[in-house]
């Protein structure tokens, strides 16, 4: 009888562990397939890795965008509630690595010529943003500024 109880407890533990793992919300950004994936807002093909963005929901679903302005418009228009978003990711302008939006530094410059003409680039560090600002001109921004 103790073997049956042990086996039952073991199976139940595995089921509970598996269930909690499958419901985990955000495990970081999902890869964007540049040249293949479409922006969920404007339906254009996402082709420029310097500007492709992503939001991941609390349930772990990823939505890709070709420009940060498309991502913000998608949320602002109510297509997804902001409180349902686990994380926003933008690419570092230099490395193209998707990083959490809240940790980045932003530059708006017409010289950037991003898709949909948002003309906003994200940088992992302030020094890179300032170097690009000095080279191209523009206006430094914060994450919260993009939502205004």
Protein backbone atom coordinates (compact mmCIF):
# COMPACT_ATOMS: atom_id res chain seq x y z
CA UNK A 1 0.00 0.00 0.00
CA UNK A 2 2.87 2.41 0.73
CA UNK A 3 4.28 1.80 -2.78
CA UNK A 4 0.95 2.82 -4.30
CA UNK A 5 0.78 5.92 -2.10
CA UNK A 6 4.38 6.83 -2.99
CA UNK A 7 3.70 6.31 -6.72
CA UNK A 8 0.51 8.40 -6.51
CA UNK A 9 2.35 11.22 -4.71
CA UNK A 10 5.18 11.10 -7.24
CA UNK A 11 2.80 11.26 -10.22
CA UNK A 12 0.80 14.08 -8.65
CA UNK A 13 4.00 16.04 -7.96
CA UNK A 14 5.16 15.66 -11.56
CA UNK A 15 1.76 16.81 -12.86
CA UNK A 16 1.78 19.88 -10.59
CA UNK A 17 5.37 20.74 -11.53
CA UNK A 18 4.63 20.34 -15.24
CA UNK A 19 1.50 22.46 -14.91
CA UNK A 20 3.29 25.35 -13.23
CA UNK A 21 6.09 25.26 -15.81
CA UNK A 22 3.69 25.37 -18.75
CA UNK A 23 1.93 28.41 -17.28
CA UNK A 24 5.05 30.45 -16.64
CA UNK A 25 4.56 33.91 -18.06
CA UNK A 26 7.69 35.37 -19.52
CA UNK A 27 10.96 33.65 -20.25
CA UNK A 28 12.46 36.52 -22.18
CA UNK A 29 12.02 37.60 -25.78
CA UNK A 30 11.20 35.13 -28.53
CA UNK A 31 13.31 35.18 -31.70
CA UNK A 32 11.96 37.41 -34.47
CA UNK A 33 12.28 35.92 -37.96
CA UNK A 34 13.37 38.98 -39.91
CA UNK A 35 12.24 38.94 -43.52
CA UNK A 36 9.43 36.49 -42.64
CA UNK A 37 7.46 37.66 -39.57
CA UNK A 38 4.86 40.37 -40.03
CA UNK A 39 4.11 43.31 -37.78
CA UNK A 40 0.82 42.51 -36.02
CA UNK A 41 -0.17 46.19 -36.22
CA UNK A 42 0.63 47.35 -39.77
CA UNK A 43 1.13 43.90 -41.39
CA UNK A 44 4.46 44.89 -42.99
CA UNK A 45 7.24 42.32 -43.05
CA UNK A 46 9.72 42.91 -40.23
CA UNK A 47 13.00 43.39 -42.04
CA UNK A 48 15.25 45.72 -40.05
CA UNK A 49 16.70 44.10 -36.91
CA UNK A 50 17.64 47.54 -35.54
CA UNK A 51 13.97 48.43 -35.11
CA UNK A 52 11.92 45.21 -34.76
CA UNK A 53 10.20 45.14 -31.37
CA UNK A 54 8.22 42.64 -29.34
CA UNK A 55 5.81 42.45 -26.48
CA UNK A 56 5.24 39.27 -24.51
CA UNK A 57 1.98 38.76 -22.63
CA UNK A 58 1.55 37.42 -19.11
CA UNK A 59 0.61 34.09 -20.75
CA UNK A 60 3.85 34.02 -22.74
CA UNK A 61 2.50 34.90 -26.20
CA UNK A 62 4.84 37.08 -28.28
CA UNK A 63 3.66 39.84 -30.62
CA UNK A 64 6.19 41.25 -33.09
CA UNK A 65 6.29 44.75 -34.57
CA UNK A 66 8.45 46.44 -37.20
CA UNK A 67 8.73 49.71 -35.27
CA UNK A 68 8.27 50.79 -31.65
CA UNK A 69 5.52 53.18 -32.78
CA UNK A 70 3.48 50.22 -34.10
CA UNK A 71 3.86 48.42 -30.76
CA UNK A 72 2.74 51.46 -28.78
CA UNK A 73 -0.21 52.12 -31.12
CA UNK A 74 -1.29 48.47 -30.82
CA UNK A 75 -1.46 48.78 -27.04
CA UNK A 76 -2.89 52.33 -27.04
CA UNK A 77 -5.73 51.27 -29.36
CA UNK A 78 -6.68 48.52 -26.91
CA UNK A 79 -5.72 45.50 -29.00
CA UNK A 80 -4.07 44.23 -25.84
CA UNK A 81 -4.35 45.70 -22.35
CA UNK A 82 -1.10 47.13 -21.00
CA UNK A 83 -1.60 45.23 -17.73
CA UNK A 84 -1.68 41.97 -19.74
CA UNK A 85 1.85 42.65 -21.04
CA UNK A 86 4.61 40.92 -19.12
CA UNK A 87 7.43 42.70 -20.97
CA UNK A 88 8.26 45.00 -23.86
CA UNK A 89 11.48 44.31 -25.79
CA UNK A 90 13.40 46.54 -28.15
CA UNK A 91 16.65 45.84 -29.98
CA UNK A 92 19.86 47.54 -29.01
CA UNK A 93 20.66 49.69 -32.06
CA UNK A 94 24.26 48.46 -32.10
CA UNK A 95 23.91 44.73 -31.37
CA UNK A 96 20.26 44.12 -32.43
CA UNK A 97 19.80 42.10 -29.23
CA UNK A 98 16.26 42.34 -27.83
CA UNK A 99 16.36 43.84 -24.35
CA UNK A 100 13.78 45.00 -21.77
CA UNK A 101 12.43 48.37 -22.87
CA UNK A 102 12.51 49.94 -19.40
CA UNK A 103 16.29 49.56 -19.16
CA UNK A 104 17.16 51.25 -22.45
CA UNK A 105 18.05 54.74 -23.66
CA UNK A 106 16.18 56.21 -26.63
CA UNK A 107 16.93 58.61 -29.45
CA UNK A 108 14.45 60.12 -31.87
CA UNK A 109 16.08 61.39 -35.05
CA UNK A 110 14.79 61.75 -38.61
CA UNK A 111 18.23 60.54 -39.73
CA UNK A 112 17.46 57.07 -38.34
CA UNK A 113 14.80 56.40 -41.01
CA UNK A 114 13.08 53.54 -39.21
CA UNK A 115 10.14 51.58 -40.64
CA UNK A 116 6.83 53.43 -40.35
CA UNK A 117 8.95 56.56 -39.78
CA UNK A 118 8.88 56.29 -36.01
CA UNK A 119 12.58 57.22 -36.22
CA UNK A 120 13.27 56.01 -32.68
CA UNK A 121 16.24 53.82 -31.80
CA UNK A 122 16.93 52.08 -28.48
CA UNK A 123 20.37 51.71 -26.93
CA UNK A 124 21.60 49.40 -24.19
CA UNK A 125 23.83 52.11 -22.75
CA UNK A 126 23.80 55.87 -22.59
CA UNK A 127 27.25 56.28 -24.16
CA UNK A 128 26.11 54.59 -27.40
CA UNK A 129 22.98 56.74 -27.50
CA UNK A 130 25.03 59.91 -26.97
CA UNK A 131 27.53 58.94 -29.68
CA UNK A 132 24.67 58.42 -32.15
CA UNK A 133 23.07 61.70 -31.00
CA UNK A 134 26.34 63.52 -31.70
CA UNK A 135 26.61 61.90 -35.14
CA UNK A 136 22.99 62.23 -36.29
CA UNK A 137 21.34 64.81 -34.06
CA UNK A 138 17.93 64.28 -32.54
CA UNK A 139 16.26 64.18 -29.16
CA UNK A 140 17.06 61.80 -26.28
CA UNK A 141 13.96 60.16 -24.80
CA UNK A 142 12.93 57.93 -21.92
CA UNK A 143 10.66 54.88 -22.18
CA UNK A 144 7.78 56.82 -20.62
CA UNK A 145 8.22 59.63 -23.19
CA UNK A 146 7.34 57.18 -25.98
CA UNK A 147 3.88 56.68 -24.50
CA UNK A 148 2.97 60.37 -24.45
